[in-house]
Amino acid sequence: MKNNKLYISAAGSGKTTFLVNKALELDKTKQILITTYTVDNEEEIRKKILKKRSSIPSNITVQGWFSFLLQHGVRPYQGSINEMLFENDIKGMFLSEGNSSIKNDEQGKPIYYQGRPLTYGENDFKNFYFTKNWKIYSDKISKFIVGCNEKVNGEIISRMSRIYSHIFIDEVQDLAGYDLEIIKLLFNSNVEIILVGDPRQVTYLTNHYKKYTKYKDGNIKEFIQNECKSLIDENSIDENSLKKSHRNNKAICEYSSKLYPEYEKSEPCDCNICRSNVSEHEGVFLIKKENLDYYLEEYNPIQLIWDKRTEINNNYPALTFGKSKGKTYERVLIYPTSNIKKWIKDNTFDFTKFENGKKKKIKDAKEKFYVALTRARHSVAIVYDYKENEQFEGIQKYKI
């Protein structure tokens, strides 16, 4: 059995560096693909390779997930799934943020039925998969590939295995729907697969397709265990190698771990280089609004916000929680949402709500808060007008 591996990582554990090192250690005769969903992380992979080499080695390809799927999944055998594609070239990809293939009226406006936009079904091949100018919808790419692969008796995945001996997927928790089926097919090929991800950082998803919905909220471990169990061995899932943070100190590790008690607690590394620059102001703090200007001037943290509607001090830099993913700062100042405040007050608060009698997750709230909490080396301050008699575990009250 091949040495396919899933590494469950903690924030700041150096998962991208880990993958880069793995790739650089392999024999130069091996052809290696390192792929990831977001453009920012793709660029980060390139930067990390170039820190160690003068150029990216010729046997290593760094490519975005969708770009990889288009080049090696969609284009080679596209005509095999439908004869229309012998006469019409696929012009690229259309990034779908929600439902794709929506039906429009003569004025180009979506047609609604019972409050939801109508969409084309699979029986309308052209409109189901493509825009009018033959761009394939991003949320349909992996489904298209799976269908096409079946038509050519597995030749798409077989071709990939002839091109690459190793495929490394970073931030694998971002993959959803039929993208997980692609992983399953690759696990069953001759390619050696390494997956790395932090299931607590699902702030973006490749798509919202209904296939494998129970695995979309960071449940990549469960997907591998349940859907790929005949393709792995007992050592295929590693939850220990990447659980130490090279970024966060002990207080930040312990507090952020409270958000996900079901996972192994993250721990600060004991590297001399990471722990040599200790400051006087370390830990996690609550800070009242009246003290914000003083705190910003004294410590110059990056301000982290849910969205641009948040009222902040515009004299200092700010980023949204989602945009801060993958970044490291000395200090951060977090402006929490109302639901995050509920969790701060009571760490047992459940980030779900009931809608039409069904329990529904509050979209991305916990994941994005976890990302924000784990960006800093030294200190995290959270804007919260606490009462003097309130008690909080694992967090200090900042006072001038």
Protein backbone atom coordinates (compact mmCIF):
# COMPACT_ATOMS: atom_id res chain seq x y z
CA MET A 1 0.00 0.00 0.00
CA LYS A 2 1.27 3.51 -0.88
CA ASN A 3 2.32 5.86 1.88
CA ASN A 4 -0.67 8.21 1.54
CA LYS A 5 -0.85 10.54 4.55
CA LEU A 6 -3.17 13.09 6.13
CA TYR A 7 -1.52 15.47 8.58
CA ILE A 8 -3.87 17.32 10.94
CA SER A 9 -2.11 20.55 11.87
CA ALA A 10 -2.48 23.38 14.35
CA ALA A 11 -2.30 27.07 13.47
CA GLY A 12 1.30 28.25 13.17
CA SER A 13 2.69 24.70 13.08
CA GLY A 14 4.47 25.32 9.78
CA LYS A 15 2.33 23.03 7.64
CA THR A 16 3.25 24.78 4.38
CA THR A 17 6.94 24.72 5.29
CA PHE A 18 6.53 21.04 6.14
CA LEU A 19 5.18 20.29 2.65
CA VAL A 20 7.87 22.37 0.96
CA ASN A 21 10.60 20.55 2.87
CA LYS A 22 9.06 17.18 1.94
CA ALA A 23 9.10 18.15 -1.72
CA LEU A 24 12.68 19.43 -1.65
CA GLU A 25 13.91 16.29 0.11
CA LEU A 26 12.62 13.97 -2.61
CA ASP A 27 14.83 12.74 -5.42
CA LYS A 28 14.94 15.17 -8.35
CA THR A 29 13.73 12.44 -10.67
CA LYS A 30 10.36 12.57 -8.89
CA GLN A 31 7.76 14.87 -10.39
CA ILE A 32 5.90 16.65 -7.58
CA LEU A 33 2.79 18.83 -7.60
CA ILE A 34 2.06 21.11 -4.65
CA THR A 35 -1.46 22.49 -4.90
CA THR A 36 -3.80 24.56 -2.74
CA TYR A 37 -7.11 26.38 -3.11
CA THR A 38 -6.37 30.06 -2.41
CA VAL A 39 -4.15 32.35 -4.46
CA ASP A 40 -2.57 33.72 -1.26
CA ASN A 41 -1.47 30.28 -0.12
CA GLU A 42 -0.19 29.36 -3.58
CA GLU A 43 2.02 32.46 -3.46
CA GLU A 44 3.16 31.57 0.07
CA ILE A 45 4.28 28.14 -1.15
CA ARG A 46 6.37 29.75 -3.89
CA LYS A 47 7.95 32.18 -1.41
CA LYS A 48 8.91 29.37 0.95
CA ILE A 49 10.59 27.40 -1.83
CA LEU A 50 12.48 30.50 -3.00
CA LYS A 51 13.75 31.10 0.55
CA LYS A 52 15.53 27.75 0.31
CA ARG A 53 16.44 27.67 -3.39
CA SER A 54 17.42 30.31 -5.94
CA SER A 55 14.57 29.10 -8.14
CA ILE A 56 11.74 26.58 -8.02
CA PRO A 57 13.25 23.19 -8.98
CA SER A 58 12.18 21.89 -12.38
CA ASN A 59 10.65 18.74 -10.84
CA ILE A 60 8.32 20.73 -8.56
CA THR A 61 5.13 22.34 -9.86
CA VAL A 62 3.21 24.82 -7.70
CA GLN A 63 -0.32 25.27 -9.00
CA GLY A 64 -3.70 26.38 -7.70
CA TRP A 65 -6.32 23.66 -7.22
CA PHE A 66 -8.71 24.92 -9.91
CA SER A 67 -5.88 25.50 -12.37
CA PHE A 68 -4.69 21.93 -11.80
CA LEU A 69 -8.20 20.55 -12.33
CA LEU A 70 -8.67 22.55 -15.54
CA GLN A 71 -5.33 21.53 -17.03
CA HIS A 72 -5.22 17.88 -16.06
CA GLY A 73 -8.85 17.02 -15.37
CA VAL A 74 -11.09 19.00 -17.71
CA ARG A 75 -9.15 19.62 -20.91
CA PRO A 76 -7.45 16.31 -21.87
CA TYR A 77 -10.61 14.25 -22.48
CA GLN A 78 -13.38 16.86 -22.40
CA GLY A 79 -15.12 15.59 -25.52
CA SER A 80 -15.63 12.14 -24.04
CA ILE A 81 -18.37 13.35 -21.69
CA ASN A 82 -20.42 15.17 -24.35
CA GLU A 83 -19.97 15.57 -28.11
CA MET A 84 -20.70 19.31 -27.85
CA LEU A 85 -17.14 19.71 -26.56
CA PHE A 86 -15.66 18.44 -29.82
CA GLU A 87 -17.04 21.59 -31.43
CA ASN A 88 -16.78 24.09 -28.56
CA ASP A 89 -13.62 24.88 -26.61
CA ILE A 90 -13.87 25.46 -22.86
CA LYS A 91 -12.84 29.09 -22.42
CA GLY A 92 -11.72 28.84 -18.80
CA MET A 93 -13.47 28.97 -15.45
CA PHE A 94 -16.21 31.11 -13.96
CA LEU A 95 -15.77 31.48 -10.17
CA SER A 96 -19.10 30.62 -8.53
CA GLU A 97 -19.59 32.03 -5.05
CA GLY A 98 -23.05 30.54 -4.62
CA ASN A 99 -25.37 28.44 -6.75
CA SER A 100 -24.31 28.27 -10.38
CA SER A 101 -26.30 27.52 -13.56
CA ILE A 102 -29.14 29.85 -12.48
CA LYS A 103 -31.99 30.39 -14.92
CA ASN A 104 -32.49 33.99 -16.04
CA ASP A 105 -35.39 35.78 -17.70
CA GLU A 106 -35.16 37.76 -20.95
CA GLN A 107 -33.74 40.73 -19.04
CA GLY A 108 -30.98 38.56 -17.57
CA LYS A 109 -32.44 38.54 -14.05
CA PRO A 110 -32.67 35.31 -11.99
CA ILE A 111 -36.01 33.49 -12.05
CA TYR A 112 -37.27 32.66 -8.56
CA TYR A 113 -39.65 29.98 -7.33
CA GLN A 114 -40.79 29.93 -3.68
CA GLY A 115 -38.02 32.36 -2.79
CA ARG A 116 -35.17 30.40 -4.41
CA PRO A 117 -33.53 30.91 -7.82
CA LEU A 118 -34.30 28.22 -10.37
CA THR A 119 -31.30 26.32 -11.75
CA TYR A 120 -30.68 24.10 -14.76
CA GLY A 121 -30.56 20.36 -14.18
CA GLU A 122 -27.93 17.90 -15.36
CA ASN A 123 -30.07 16.94 -18.34
CA ASP A 124 -29.27 20.38 -19.81
CA PHE A 125 -25.55 19.73 -20.15
CA LYS A 126 -24.52 23.10 -21.59
CA ASN A 127 -26.35 25.31 -19.09
CA PHE A 128 -25.65 23.04 -16.11
CA TYR A 129 -21.86 23.14 -16.48
CA PHE A 130 -21.13 26.30 -18.48
CA THR A 131 -21.82 29.99 -18.87
CA LYS A 132 -23.07 31.30 -22.21
CA ASN A 133 -19.48 31.83 -23.40
CA TRP A 134 -18.38 28.28 -22.40
CA LYS A 135 -16.64 28.99 -19.11
CA ILE A 136 -17.08 26.07 -16.73
CA TYR A 137 -18.58 26.90 -13.32
CA SER A 138 -16.00 26.41 -10.55
CA ASP A 139 -18.41 24.45 -8.36
CA LYS A 140 -19.00 21.97 -11.22
CA ILE A 141 -15.38 21.32 -12.27
CA SER A 142 -14.71 18.33 -10.04
CA LYS A 143 -18.12 16.80 -10.83
CA PHE A 144 -17.37 17.21 -14.54
CA ILE A 145 -14.01 15.46 -14.07
CA VAL A 146 -15.50 12.55 -12.13
CA GLY A 147 -18.10 12.01 -14.85
CA CYS A 148 -15.52 12.33 -17.61
CA ASN A 149 -13.14 9.95 -15.81
CA GLU A 150 -15.88 7.32 -15.70
CA LYS A 151 -16.48 7.71 -19.45
CA VAL A 152 -12.79 7.06 -20.23
CA ASN A 153 -12.45 4.18 -17.74
CA GLY A 154 -10.24 6.07 -15.27
CA GLU A 155 -7.84 7.46 -17.84
CA ILE A 156 -7.92 11.01 -16.41
CA ILE A 157 -6.61 9.91 -13.02
CA SER A 158 -4.25 7.42 -14.69
CA ARG A 159 -2.80 10.25 -16.79
CA MET A 160 -2.25 12.35 -13.67
CA SER A 161 -0.34 9.46 -12.11
CA ARG A 162 1.90 9.24 -15.17
CA ILE A 163 2.70 12.95 -14.92
CA TYR A 164 3.23 13.20 -11.14
CA SER A 165 4.71 10.69 -8.73
CA HIS A 166 3.64 12.82 -5.74
CA ILE A 167 0.77 15.24 -5.20
CA PHE A 168 0.80 17.38 -2.04
CA ILE A 169 -2.40 19.26 -1.14
CA ASP A 170 -2.07 22.13 1.33
CA GLU A 171 -5.05 23.53 3.27
CA VAL A 172 -7.00 20.39 2.40
CA GLN A 173 -9.81 21.43 4.78
CA ASP A 174 -10.91 23.91 2.07
CA LEU A 175 -11.87 21.12 -0.35
CA ALA A 176 -15.51 20.05 -0.49
CA GLY A 177 -18.12 18.20 -2.56
CA TYR A 178 -16.77 16.38 -5.60
CA ASP A 179 -13.25 17.67 -4.82
CA LEU A 180 -13.23 15.04 -2.08
CA GLU A 181 -14.13 12.42 -4.70
CA ILE A 182 -11.06 13.54 -6.67
CA ILE A 183 -8.96 12.90 -3.54
CA LYS A 184 -10.49 9.45 -3.22
CA LEU A 185 -9.68 8.65 -6.85
CA LEU A 186 -6.10 9.86 -6.38
CA PHE A 187 -5.75 7.72 -3.25
CA ASN A 188 -6.64 4.75 -5.44
CA SER A 189 -4.03 5.66 -8.09
CA ASN A 190 -0.25 5.20 -8.29
CA VAL A 191 0.37 8.76 -7.07
CA GLU A 192 1.64 9.20 -3.52
CA ILE A 193 -0.65 11.72 -1.80
CA ILE A 194 0.11 13.95 1.19
CA LEU A 195 -2.73 16.06 2.59
CA VAL A 196 -2.12 18.78 5.17
CA GLY A 197 -4.75 20.94 6.83
CA ASP A 198 -6.19 22.45 9.97
CA PRO A 199 -9.89 21.50 10.28
CA ARG A 200 -10.41 24.51 12.56
CA GLN A 201 -9.64 26.94 9.73
CA VAL A 202 -12.45 26.30 7.24
CA THR A 203 -12.96 29.93 6.26
CA TYR A 204 -13.25 29.25 2.51
CA LEU A 205 -14.62 26.28 0.57
CA THR A 206 -13.93 25.31 -3.04
CA ASN A 207 -17.66 24.81 -3.55
CA HIS A 208 -20.96 24.22 -1.76
CA TYR A 209 -22.10 21.20 -3.76
CA LYS A 210 -24.31 18.78 -1.85
CA LYS A 211 -22.08 15.72 -2.27
CA TYR A 212 -20.31 14.72 0.96
CA THR A 213 -21.94 17.59 2.88
CA LYS A 214 -21.29 15.88 6.24
CA TYR A 215 -17.55 16.31 5.67
CA LYS A 216 -17.49 19.96 4.59
CA ASP A 217 -16.97 21.61 7.99
CA GLY A 218 -13.42 20.45 8.53
CA ASN A 219 -14.26 16.75 8.77
CA ILE A 220 -11.47 15.65 6.42
CA LYS A 221 -10.26 13.04 8.93
CA GLU A 222 -13.71 11.44 9.00
CA PHE A 223 -13.84 11.50 5.19
CA ILE A 224 -10.55 9.62 4.92
CA GLN A 225 -11.56 7.15 7.62
CA ASN A 226 -15.04 6.46 6.22
CA GLU A 227 -14.74 6.86 2.45
CA CYS A 228 -11.12 5.82 1.88
CA LYS A 229 -10.78 3.14 4.57
CA SER A 230 -9.76 0.43 2.11
CA LEU A 231 -7.03 2.73 0.73
CA ILE A 232 -5.24 3.63 3.99
CA ASP A 233 -3.49 1.91 6.86
CA GLU A 234 -3.39 2.68 10.59
CA ASN A 235 -0.51 5.15 10.16
CA SER A 236 -2.15 7.20 7.42
CA ILE A 237 -3.54 9.90 9.73
CA ASP A 238 -1.01 11.87 11.79
CA GLU A 239 -2.36 14.26 14.45
CA ASN A 240 0.88 14.76 16.39
CA SER A 241 3.65 15.85 14.02
CA LEU A 242 2.13 19.29 13.38
CA LYS A 243 0.38 20.13 16.64
CA LYS A 244 3.04 22.53 17.97
CA SER A 245 2.80 26.19 17.03
CA HIS A 246 5.91 28.10 16.02
CA ARG A 247 3.85 31.29 16.15
CA ASN A 248 1.62 31.38 19.25
CA ASN A 249 2.79 31.45 22.86
CA LYS A 250 1.32 29.20 25.55
CA ALA A 251 -1.52 31.56 26.53
CA ILE A 252 -2.69 31.98 22.93
CA CYS A 253 -2.44 28.23 22.24
CA GLU A 254 -4.47 27.36 25.34
CA TYR A 255 -7.17 29.97 24.75
CA SER A 256 -7.64 29.22 21.04
CA SER A 257 -7.80 25.48 21.80
CA LYS A 258 -10.92 26.11 23.92
CA LEU A 259 -12.86 26.74 20.70
CA TYR A 260 -12.27 23.15 19.55
CA PRO A 261 -12.06 20.85 22.58
CA GLU A 262 -12.66 17.83 20.30
CA TYR A 263 -9.18 18.25 18.76
CA GLU A 264 -5.73 17.82 20.25
CA LYS A 265 -4.74 21.02 22.07
CA SER A 266 -2.11 23.04 20.25
CA GLU A 267 1.11 23.65 22.12
CA PRO A 268 3.88 26.23 21.71
CA CYS A 269 7.05 24.83 20.21
CA ASP A 270 10.26 24.85 22.23
CA CYS A 271 12.49 26.13 19.41
CA ASN A 272 15.07 28.59 20.73
CA ILE A 273 14.66 30.86 17.73
CA CYS A 274 10.85 31.01 18.14
CA ARG A 275 10.89 31.61 21.91
CA SER A 276 13.87 33.93 22.25
CA ASN A 277 12.05 37.23 21.71
CA VAL A 278 9.67 37.32 24.70
CA SER A 279 8.10 40.72 25.45
CA GLU A 280 6.63 42.22 28.61
CA HIS A 281 3.14 42.23 27.13
CA GLU A 282 2.25 38.58 26.41
CA GLY A 283 -1.04 36.70 26.46
CA VAL A 284 -4.75 37.18 25.70
CA PHE A 285 -6.51 40.31 26.95
CA LEU A 286 -9.93 41.95 27.03
CA ILE A 287 -9.80 45.66 26.41
CA LYS A 288 -12.52 48.27 26.88
CA LYS A 289 -13.35 50.65 24.03
CA GLU A 290 -12.29 53.64 26.11
CA ASN A 291 -8.71 52.31 26.17
CA LEU A 292 -8.40 51.48 22.48
CA ASP A 293 -6.54 54.59 21.30
CA TYR A 294 -3.98 54.23 24.05
CA TYR A 295 -3.51 50.52 23.34
CA LEU A 296 -3.10 51.07 19.59
CA GLU A 297 -0.49 53.76 20.13
CA GLU A 298 1.38 51.73 22.76
CA TYR A 299 1.49 48.33 21.01
CA ASN A 300 0.61 48.98 17.35
CA PRO A 301 -1.36 45.75 16.77
CA ILE A 302 -3.00 44.85 13.47
CA GLN A 303 -6.78 45.37 13.77
CA LEU A 304 -8.81 42.31 12.77
CA ILE A 305 -12.45 42.82 11.79
CA TRP A 306 -15.39 40.70 10.60
CA ASP A 307 -16.11 43.01 7.65
CA LYS A 308 -15.63 46.60 6.53
CA ARG A 309 -18.72 47.80 8.43
CA THR A 310 -16.82 47.47 11.72
CA GLU A 311 -16.04 50.80 13.36
CA ILE A 312 -12.26 51.03 13.91
CA ASN A 313 -9.42 53.53 14.28
CA ASN A 314 -8.53 54.24 10.65
CA ASN A 315 -5.08 55.53 11.59
CA TYR A 316 -3.94 51.94 12.04
CA PRO A 317 -3.95 49.02 9.58
CA ALA A 318 -6.81 46.51 9.54
CA LEU A 319 -7.69 43.21 7.88
CA THR A 320 -10.77 41.00 7.88
CA PHE A 321 -10.55 37.74 9.80
CA GLY A 322 -10.63 35.78 6.55
CA LYS A 323 -7.92 37.84 4.83
CA SER A 324 -5.59 37.38 7.82
CA LYS A 325 -5.52 33.61 7.31
CA GLY A 326 -1.97 32.32 6.88
CA LYS A 327 -0.40 35.54 8.15
CA THR A 328 1.70 36.18 11.28
CA TYR A 329 1.83 39.37 13.37
CA GLU A 330 3.50 40.35 16.61
CA ARG A 331 0.18 41.53 18.07
CA VAL A 332 -3.48 41.63 17.03
CA LEU A 333 -6.55 43.54 18.17
CA ILE A 334 -9.83 41.72 17.49
CA TYR A 335 -13.24 43.38 17.09
CA PRO A 336 -15.62 40.49 17.94
CA THR A 337 -19.14 39.88 16.60
CA SER A 338 -22.09 39.48 18.97
CA ASN A 339 -21.84 35.68 18.80
CA ILE A 340 -18.12 35.72 19.50
CA LYS A 341 -18.86 37.88 22.54
CA LYS A 342 -21.30 35.23 23.72
CA TRP A 343 -18.56 32.63 23.50
CA ILE A 344 -16.09 34.85 25.36
CA LYS A 345 -18.64 35.20 28.15
CA ASP A 346 -19.42 31.47 28.14
CA ASN A 347 -16.95 29.08 26.47
CA THR A 348 -19.71 26.47 26.13
CA PHE A 349 -21.70 28.71 23.75
CA ASP A 350 -22.63 26.69 20.65
CA PHE A 351 -22.10 28.49 17.33
CA THR A 352 -25.32 27.11 15.90
CA LYS A 353 -28.89 28.36 15.67
CA PHE A 354 -32.30 26.88 15.04
CA GLU A 355 -33.96 27.77 11.77
CA ASN A 356 -37.29 26.24 10.72
CA GLY A 357 -36.90 23.70 13.51
CA LYS A 358 -33.44 22.60 12.31
CA LYS A 359 -30.07 23.22 13.89
CA LYS A 360 -27.93 25.35 11.61
CA LYS A 361 -24.33 26.46 11.96
CA ILE A 362 -23.70 30.19 12.34
CA LYS A 363 -21.72 30.72 9.16
CA ASP A 364 -17.96 30.69 9.64
CA ALA A 365 -18.11 32.49 13.01
CA LYS A 366 -16.07 30.02 15.05
CA GLU A 367 -13.59 29.23 12.27
CA LYS A 368 -12.84 32.87 11.54
CA PHE A 369 -12.51 33.71 15.22
CA TYR A 370 -10.02 30.85 15.57
CA VAL A 371 -8.03 32.26 12.63
CA ALA A 372 -8.02 35.72 14.21
CA LEU A 373 -6.95 34.39 17.62
CA THR A 374 -4.00 32.49 16.19
CA ARG A 375 -2.34 35.22 14.11
CA ALA A 376 -0.18 36.72 16.89
CA ARG A 377 3.18 35.78 18.37
CA HIS A 378 2.91 37.77 21.58
CA SER A 379 -0.51 39.21 22.37
CA VAL A 380 -4.16 39.09 21.41
CA ALA A 381 -6.44 41.88 22.60
CA ILE A 382 -10.22 41.58 22.17
CA VAL A 383 -12.50 44.60 22.32
CA TYR A 384 -15.00 43.81 25.07
CA ASP A 385 -16.59 46.14 27.61
CA TYR A 386 -16.38 43.74 30.53
CA LYS A 387 -17.79 44.35 33.97
CA GLU A 388 -15.33 44.47 36.82
CA ASN A 389 -16.98 41.53 38.60
CA GLU A 390 -17.05 39.28 35.50
CA GLN A 391 -14.69 36.30 35.51
CA PHE A 392 -13.01 34.88 32.41
CA GLU A 393 -10.89 31.76 32.20
CA GLY A 394 -7.60 31.98 30.32
CA ILE A 395 -7.88 35.67 29.57
CA GLN A 396 -6.72 38.85 31.32
CA LYS A 397 -8.41 42.23 31.73
CA TYR A 398 -6.27 44.94 30.24
CA LYS A 399 -5.95 48.10 32.29
CA ILE A 400 -3.87 51.19 31.73
